[in-house]
Amino acid sequence: MNDRNILSKPHSVGILVFLLRSGGKSKATFIQEAIESNFDTMKNAAARLEDEGFLTITRVPGKASHILYALTDIGRDVAQYLDAAERVISGDLAECGKLSTNHGASSEQRDQVE
């Protein structure tokens, strides 16, 4: 892991939130448009997120230009919190209560905390 937080790198938050709002996966061109960057910048940002385990990058067989980006479980969890933070900042509080609180804990572990 880098000594600098991955979320402070350019476009990391934008990519994660866009993927969450797109159902967890998207083609590269849609991400590029959403974060308003060129392809190489988006590709480098996504590669850093993949290295940290937040998303996967898959080339679609037989289609050279189709690259699919998808959130991992941890990427989805982080993206939910980032999305909620963006909604709070923008004043859209109605959607903020939908955060996952199950972070891999067993039901017994959750009962101990609750």
N, C-alpha and C. Protein backbone atom coordinates (compact mmCIF):
# COMPACT_ATOMS: atom_id res chain seq x y z
N MET A 1 0.85 -1.18 0.00
CA MET A 1 0.00 0.00 0.00
C MET A 1 0.89 1.24 0.00
N ASN A 2 0.49 2.25 -0.70
CA ASN A 2 1.25 3.49 -0.78
C ASN A 2 1.21 4.23 0.55
N ASP A 3 2.24 5.07 0.76
CA ASP A 3 2.23 5.85 2.00
C ASP A 3 1.22 6.98 1.93
N ARG A 4 0.72 7.30 0.76
CA ARG A 4 -0.31 8.33 0.61
C ARG A 4 -1.65 7.63 0.39
N ASN A 5 -2.65 8.09 1.06
CA ASN A 5 -3.97 7.47 0.98
C ASN A 5 -4.48 7.46 -0.46
N ILE A 6 -4.92 6.30 -0.93
CA ILE A 6 -5.40 6.15 -2.30
C ILE A 6 -6.56 7.09 -2.59
N LEU A 7 -7.38 7.39 -1.59
CA LEU A 7 -8.54 8.25 -1.82
C LEU A 7 -8.16 9.71 -2.04
N SER A 8 -6.94 10.08 -1.70
CA SER A 8 -6.50 11.45 -1.93
C SER A 8 -5.90 11.62 -3.33
N LYS A 9 -5.74 10.53 -4.05
CA LYS A 9 -5.21 10.60 -5.42
C LYS A 9 -6.30 11.11 -6.36
N PRO A 10 -5.89 11.84 -7.40
CA PRO A 10 -6.88 12.38 -8.35
C PRO A 10 -7.78 11.30 -8.94
N HIS A 11 -9.07 11.58 -8.97
CA HIS A 11 -10.14 10.78 -9.59
C HIS A 11 -10.52 9.50 -8.84
N SER A 12 -9.84 9.17 -7.75
CA SER A 12 -10.19 7.94 -7.03
C SER A 12 -11.62 7.97 -6.52
N VAL A 13 -11.99 9.04 -5.85
CA VAL A 13 -13.34 9.15 -5.29
C VAL A 13 -14.37 9.17 -6.42
N GLY A 14 -14.10 9.94 -7.46
CA GLY A 14 -15.03 10.04 -8.58
C GLY A 14 -15.30 8.70 -9.24
N ILE A 15 -14.26 7.91 -9.43
CA ILE A 15 -14.42 6.60 -10.05
C ILE A 15 -15.25 5.68 -9.15
N LEU A 16 -14.91 5.62 -7.88
CA LEU A 16 -15.63 4.73 -6.96
C LEU A 16 -17.11 5.11 -6.87
N VAL A 17 -17.40 6.39 -6.71
CA VAL A 17 -18.80 6.82 -6.59
C VAL A 17 -19.55 6.59 -7.90
N PHE A 18 -18.91 6.88 -9.03
CA PHE A 18 -19.57 6.64 -10.31
C PHE A 18 -19.91 5.17 -10.48
N LEU A 19 -18.97 4.28 -10.16
CA LEU A 19 -19.24 2.85 -10.29
C LEU A 19 -20.39 2.42 -9.37
N LEU A 20 -20.41 2.92 -8.15
CA LEU A 20 -21.51 2.59 -7.24
C LEU A 20 -22.84 3.02 -7.84
N ARG A 21 -22.91 4.24 -8.30
CA ARG A 21 -24.15 4.77 -8.87
C ARG A 21 -24.52 4.12 -10.19
N SER A 22 -23.57 3.40 -10.80
CA SER A 22 -23.82 2.70 -12.06
C SER A 22 -24.09 1.22 -11.84
N GLY A 23 -24.41 0.85 -10.62
CA GLY A 23 -24.72 -0.55 -10.33
C GLY A 23 -23.50 -1.39 -10.01
N GLY A 24 -22.35 -0.76 -9.82
CA GLY A 24 -21.16 -1.50 -9.43
C GLY A 24 -20.18 -1.79 -10.54
N LYS A 25 -20.58 -1.53 -11.79
CA LYS A 25 -19.65 -1.78 -12.90
C LYS A 25 -19.97 -0.86 -14.07
N SER A 26 -18.96 -0.67 -14.90
CA SER A 26 -19.14 0.22 -16.05
C SER A 26 -18.00 0.01 -17.04
N LYS A 27 -18.25 0.43 -18.28
CA LYS A 27 -17.20 0.45 -19.29
C LYS A 27 -16.31 1.68 -19.07
N ALA A 28 -15.10 1.59 -19.55
CA ALA A 28 -14.11 2.65 -19.37
C ALA A 28 -14.58 3.99 -19.93
N THR A 29 -15.20 3.97 -21.10
CA THR A 29 -15.59 5.23 -21.73
C THR A 29 -16.60 6.00 -20.88
N PHE A 30 -17.51 5.31 -20.21
CA PHE A 30 -18.50 5.98 -19.37
C PHE A 30 -17.85 6.60 -18.14
N ILE A 31 -16.87 5.89 -17.57
CA ILE A 31 -16.16 6.42 -16.41
C ILE A 31 -15.38 7.66 -16.82
N GLN A 32 -14.69 7.56 -17.94
CA GLN A 32 -13.90 8.68 -18.44
C GLN A 32 -14.76 9.93 -18.61
N GLU A 33 -15.94 9.78 -19.18
CA GLU A 33 -16.85 10.91 -19.36
C GLU A 33 -17.32 11.45 -18.02
N ALA A 34 -17.63 10.56 -17.08
CA ALA A 34 -18.17 10.98 -15.79
C ALA A 34 -17.16 11.78 -14.97
N ILE A 35 -15.89 11.38 -15.02
CA ILE A 35 -14.89 12.08 -14.22
C ILE A 35 -14.19 13.18 -15.02
N GLU A 36 -14.61 13.34 -16.26
CA GLU A 36 -14.10 14.41 -17.13
C GLU A 36 -12.58 14.40 -17.22
N SER A 37 -12.06 13.28 -17.68
CA SER A 37 -10.60 13.16 -17.85
C SER A 37 -10.31 12.48 -19.17
N ASN A 38 -9.04 12.44 -19.52
CA ASN A 38 -8.67 11.69 -20.72
C ASN A 38 -8.53 10.22 -20.34
N PHE A 39 -8.43 9.37 -21.34
CA PHE A 39 -8.43 7.93 -21.09
C PHE A 39 -7.23 7.50 -20.24
N ASP A 40 -6.04 7.99 -20.55
CA ASP A 40 -4.86 7.57 -19.81
C ASP A 40 -4.93 7.95 -18.33
N THR A 41 -5.43 9.13 -18.05
CA THR A 41 -5.57 9.57 -16.65
C THR A 41 -6.55 8.67 -15.91
N MET A 42 -7.69 8.38 -16.54
CA MET A 42 -8.68 7.50 -15.93
C MET A 42 -8.11 6.10 -15.74
N LYS A 43 -7.42 5.61 -16.75
CA LYS A 43 -6.84 4.26 -16.70
C LYS A 43 -5.83 4.15 -15.56
N ASN A 44 -4.98 5.17 -15.39
CA ASN A 44 -3.99 5.15 -14.31
C ASN A 44 -4.64 5.21 -12.93
N ALA A 45 -5.67 6.05 -12.80
CA ALA A 45 -6.39 6.15 -11.52
C ALA A 45 -7.06 4.81 -11.19
N ALA A 46 -7.69 4.20 -12.19
CA ALA A 46 -8.36 2.91 -11.97
C ALA A 46 -7.35 1.82 -11.64
N ALA A 47 -6.20 1.85 -12.28
CA ALA A 47 -5.17 0.85 -11.98
C ALA A 47 -4.70 0.96 -10.54
N ARG A 48 -4.57 2.18 -10.02
CA ARG A 48 -4.19 2.35 -8.61
C ARG A 48 -5.27 1.76 -7.70
N LEU A 49 -6.53 2.00 -8.05
CA LEU A 49 -7.64 1.45 -7.25
C LEU A 49 -7.65 -0.07 -7.31
N GLU A 50 -7.33 -0.63 -8.47
CA GLU A 50 -7.26 -2.09 -8.59
C GLU A 50 -6.11 -2.62 -7.73
N ASP A 51 -4.96 -1.95 -7.76
CA ASP A 51 -3.82 -2.39 -6.95
C ASP A 51 -4.14 -2.42 -5.47
N GLU A 52 -5.02 -1.52 -5.03
CA GLU A 52 -5.40 -1.45 -3.63
C GLU A 52 -6.61 -2.34 -3.29
N GLY A 53 -7.17 -3.02 -4.30
CA GLY A 53 -8.26 -3.97 -4.06
C GLY A 53 -9.66 -3.39 -4.09
N PHE A 54 -9.81 -2.15 -4.59
CA PHE A 54 -11.12 -1.51 -4.62
C PHE A 54 -11.95 -1.87 -5.85
N LEU A 55 -11.29 -2.27 -6.93
CA LEU A 55 -12.02 -2.64 -8.13
C LEU A 55 -11.24 -3.65 -8.94
N THR A 56 -11.93 -4.25 -9.90
CA THR A 56 -11.29 -5.16 -10.84
C THR A 56 -11.42 -4.57 -12.24
N ILE A 57 -10.45 -4.89 -13.07
CA ILE A 57 -10.45 -4.43 -14.46
C ILE A 57 -10.38 -5.67 -15.33
N THR A 58 -11.37 -5.82 -16.21
CA THR A 58 -11.46 -7.01 -17.05
C THR A 58 -11.62 -6.62 -18.50
N ARG A 59 -10.78 -7.15 -19.36
CA ARG A 59 -10.94 -6.96 -20.79
C ARG A 59 -11.97 -7.97 -21.29
N VAL A 60 -12.93 -7.50 -22.06
CA VAL A 60 -13.96 -8.37 -22.59
C VAL A 60 -13.37 -9.11 -23.79
N PRO A 61 -13.35 -10.45 -23.75
CA PRO A 61 -12.75 -11.22 -24.84
C PRO A 61 -13.41 -10.91 -26.19
N GLY A 62 -12.57 -10.76 -27.19
CA GLY A 62 -13.06 -10.54 -28.55
C GLY A 62 -13.40 -9.10 -28.86
N LYS A 63 -13.32 -8.23 -27.89
CA LYS A 63 -13.65 -6.83 -28.11
C LYS A 63 -12.52 -5.98 -27.53
N ALA A 64 -11.60 -5.58 -28.37
CA ALA A 64 -10.40 -4.88 -27.92
C ALA A 64 -10.71 -3.60 -27.16
N SER A 65 -11.77 -2.92 -27.52
CA SER A 65 -12.05 -1.63 -26.88
C SER A 65 -12.96 -1.75 -25.66
N HIS A 66 -13.40 -2.96 -25.32
CA HIS A 66 -14.28 -3.12 -24.17
C HIS A 66 -13.49 -3.53 -22.94
N ILE A 67 -13.44 -2.63 -21.98
CA ILE A 67 -12.79 -2.90 -20.71
C ILE A 67 -13.84 -2.62 -19.64
N LEU A 68 -14.07 -3.60 -18.80
CA LEU A 68 -15.10 -3.48 -17.75
C LEU A 68 -14.43 -3.26 -16.40
N TYR A 69 -14.90 -2.23 -15.71
CA TYR A 69 -14.41 -1.90 -14.37
C TYR A 69 -15.53 -2.24 -13.40
N ALA A 70 -15.20 -2.97 -12.32
CA ALA A 70 -16.22 -3.39 -11.35
C ALA A 70 -15.70 -3.23 -9.93
N LEU A 71 -16.58 -2.79 -9.04
CA LEU A 71 -16.23 -2.66 -7.64
C LEU A 71 -16.06 -4.03 -7.00
N THR A 72 -15.09 -4.15 -6.12
CA THR A 72 -14.98 -5.33 -5.27
C THR A 72 -15.87 -5.09 -4.06
N ASP A 73 -15.97 -6.05 -3.18
CA ASP A 73 -16.79 -5.87 -1.97
C ASP A 73 -16.29 -4.70 -1.14
N ILE A 74 -14.99 -4.62 -0.93
CA ILE A 74 -14.45 -3.51 -0.14
C ILE A 74 -14.61 -2.19 -0.89
N GLY A 75 -14.46 -2.23 -2.20
CA GLY A 75 -14.67 -1.03 -3.01
C GLY A 75 -16.10 -0.52 -2.90
N ARG A 76 -17.05 -1.45 -2.89
CA ARG A 76 -18.45 -1.06 -2.74
C ARG A 76 -18.71 -0.44 -1.38
N ASP A 77 -18.14 -1.04 -0.33
CA ASP A 77 -18.32 -0.48 1.02
C ASP A 77 -17.76 0.93 1.11
N VAL A 78 -16.56 1.13 0.61
CA VAL A 78 -15.93 2.45 0.64
C VAL A 78 -16.74 3.43 -0.21
N ALA A 79 -17.16 2.99 -1.39
CA ALA A 79 -17.93 3.86 -2.28
C ALA A 79 -19.25 4.29 -1.65
N GLN A 80 -19.88 3.41 -0.87
CA GLN A 80 -21.13 3.79 -0.20
C GLN A 80 -20.91 4.95 0.76
N TYR A 81 -19.82 4.90 1.51
CA TYR A 81 -19.52 5.99 2.44
C TYR A 81 -19.15 7.27 1.70
N LEU A 82 -18.40 7.14 0.63
CA LEU A 82 -18.04 8.33 -0.15
C LEU A 82 -19.28 8.95 -0.79
N ASP A 83 -20.17 8.10 -1.29
CA ASP A 83 -21.41 8.58 -1.90
C ASP A 83 -22.26 9.30 -0.85
N ALA A 84 -22.35 8.73 0.34
CA ALA A 84 -23.12 9.36 1.41
C ALA A 84 -22.51 10.71 1.78
N ALA A 85 -21.18 10.77 1.84
CA ALA A 85 -20.52 12.04 2.16
C ALA A 85 -20.81 13.08 1.08
N GLU A 86 -20.75 12.68 -0.18
CA GLU A 86 -21.07 13.62 -1.26
C GLU A 86 -22.50 14.11 -1.17
N ARG A 87 -23.41 13.21 -0.80
CA ARG A 87 -24.82 13.60 -0.69
C ARG A 87 -25.05 14.55 0.49
N VAL A 88 -24.35 14.34 1.59
CA VAL A 88 -24.45 15.25 2.73
C VAL A 88 -23.96 16.63 2.31
N ILE A 89 -22.83 16.67 1.65
CA ILE A 89 -22.25 17.94 1.22
C ILE A 89 -23.19 18.67 0.27
N SER A 90 -23.85 17.91 -0.62
CA SER A 90 -24.75 18.52 -1.60
C SER A 90 -26.14 18.79 -1.04
N GLY A 91 -26.42 18.31 0.18
CA GLY A 91 -27.72 18.55 0.80
C GLY A 91 -28.75 17.47 0.52
N ASP A 92 -28.38 16.38 -0.15
CA ASP A 92 -29.29 15.29 -0.47
C ASP A 92 -29.24 14.26 0.66
N LEU A 93 -29.86 14.59 1.79
CA LEU A 93 -29.77 13.74 2.98
C LEU A 93 -30.67 12.52 2.93
N ALA A 94 -31.66 12.50 2.06
CA ALA A 94 -32.62 11.40 2.01
C ALA A 94 -31.96 10.07 1.69
N GLU A 95 -30.86 10.08 0.93
CA GLU A 95 -30.21 8.84 0.52
C GLU A 95 -29.10 8.40 1.46
N CYS A 96 -28.83 9.14 2.49
CA CYS A 96 -27.67 8.87 3.34
C CYS A 96 -27.86 7.73 4.33
N GLY A 97 -29.06 7.29 4.58
CA GLY A 97 -29.29 6.25 5.57
C GLY A 97 -29.14 4.84 5.06
N LYS A 98 -28.66 4.67 3.84
CA LYS A 98 -28.61 3.35 3.23
C LYS A 98 -27.22 2.73 3.25
N LEU A 99 -26.47 2.92 4.31
CA LEU A 99 -25.11 2.41 4.39
C LEU A 99 -25.10 1.00 4.98
N SER A 100 -24.22 0.19 4.47
CA SER A 100 -24.02 -1.16 5.00
C SER A 100 -23.30 -1.07 6.33
N THR A 101 -23.78 -1.82 7.30
CA THR A 101 -23.08 -1.88 8.59
C THR A 101 -22.51 -3.27 8.83
N ASN A 102 -22.61 -4.15 7.87
CA ASN A 102 -22.07 -5.50 7.98
C ASN A 102 -20.71 -5.52 7.28
N HIS A 103 -19.66 -5.38 8.03
CA HIS A 103 -18.32 -5.31 7.47
C HIS A 103 -17.59 -6.62 7.65
N GLY A 104 -18.23 -7.71 7.30
CA GLY A 104 -17.62 -9.02 7.39
C GLY A 104 -17.78 -9.70 8.74
N ALA A 105 -18.51 -9.08 9.64
CA ALA A 105 -18.69 -9.67 10.96
C ALA A 105 -19.75 -10.76 10.91
N SER A 106 -19.57 -11.76 11.74
CA SER A 106 -20.58 -12.82 11.86
C SER A 106 -21.77 -12.26 12.62
N SER A 107 -22.90 -12.96 12.59
CA SER A 107 -24.08 -12.49 13.31
C SER A 107 -23.80 -12.42 14.82
N GLU A 108 -22.99 -13.37 15.33
CA GLU A 108 -22.65 -13.36 16.75
C GLU A 108 -21.82 -12.11 17.09
N GLN A 109 -20.88 -11.78 16.22
CA GLN A 109 -20.05 -10.59 16.45
C GLN A 109 -20.88 -9.32 16.40
N ARG A 110 -21.82 -9.25 15.46
CA ARG A 110 -22.69 -8.08 15.36
C ARG A 110 -23.57 -7.96 16.59
N ASP A 111 -24.07 -9.09 17.10
CA ASP A 111 -24.90 -9.06 18.31
C ASP A 111 -24.14 -8.53 19.52
N GLN A 112 -22.84 -8.83 19.60
CA GLN A 112 -22.03 -8.34 20.70
C GLN A 112 -21.90 -6.83 20.66
N VAL A 113 -21.84 -6.27 19.48
CA VAL A 113 -21.67 -4.83 19.34
C VAL A 113 -22.98 -4.11 19.56
N GLU A 114 -24.06 -4.67 19.07
CA GLU A 114 -25.38 -4.03 19.18
C GLU A 114 -25.84 -4.14 20.59
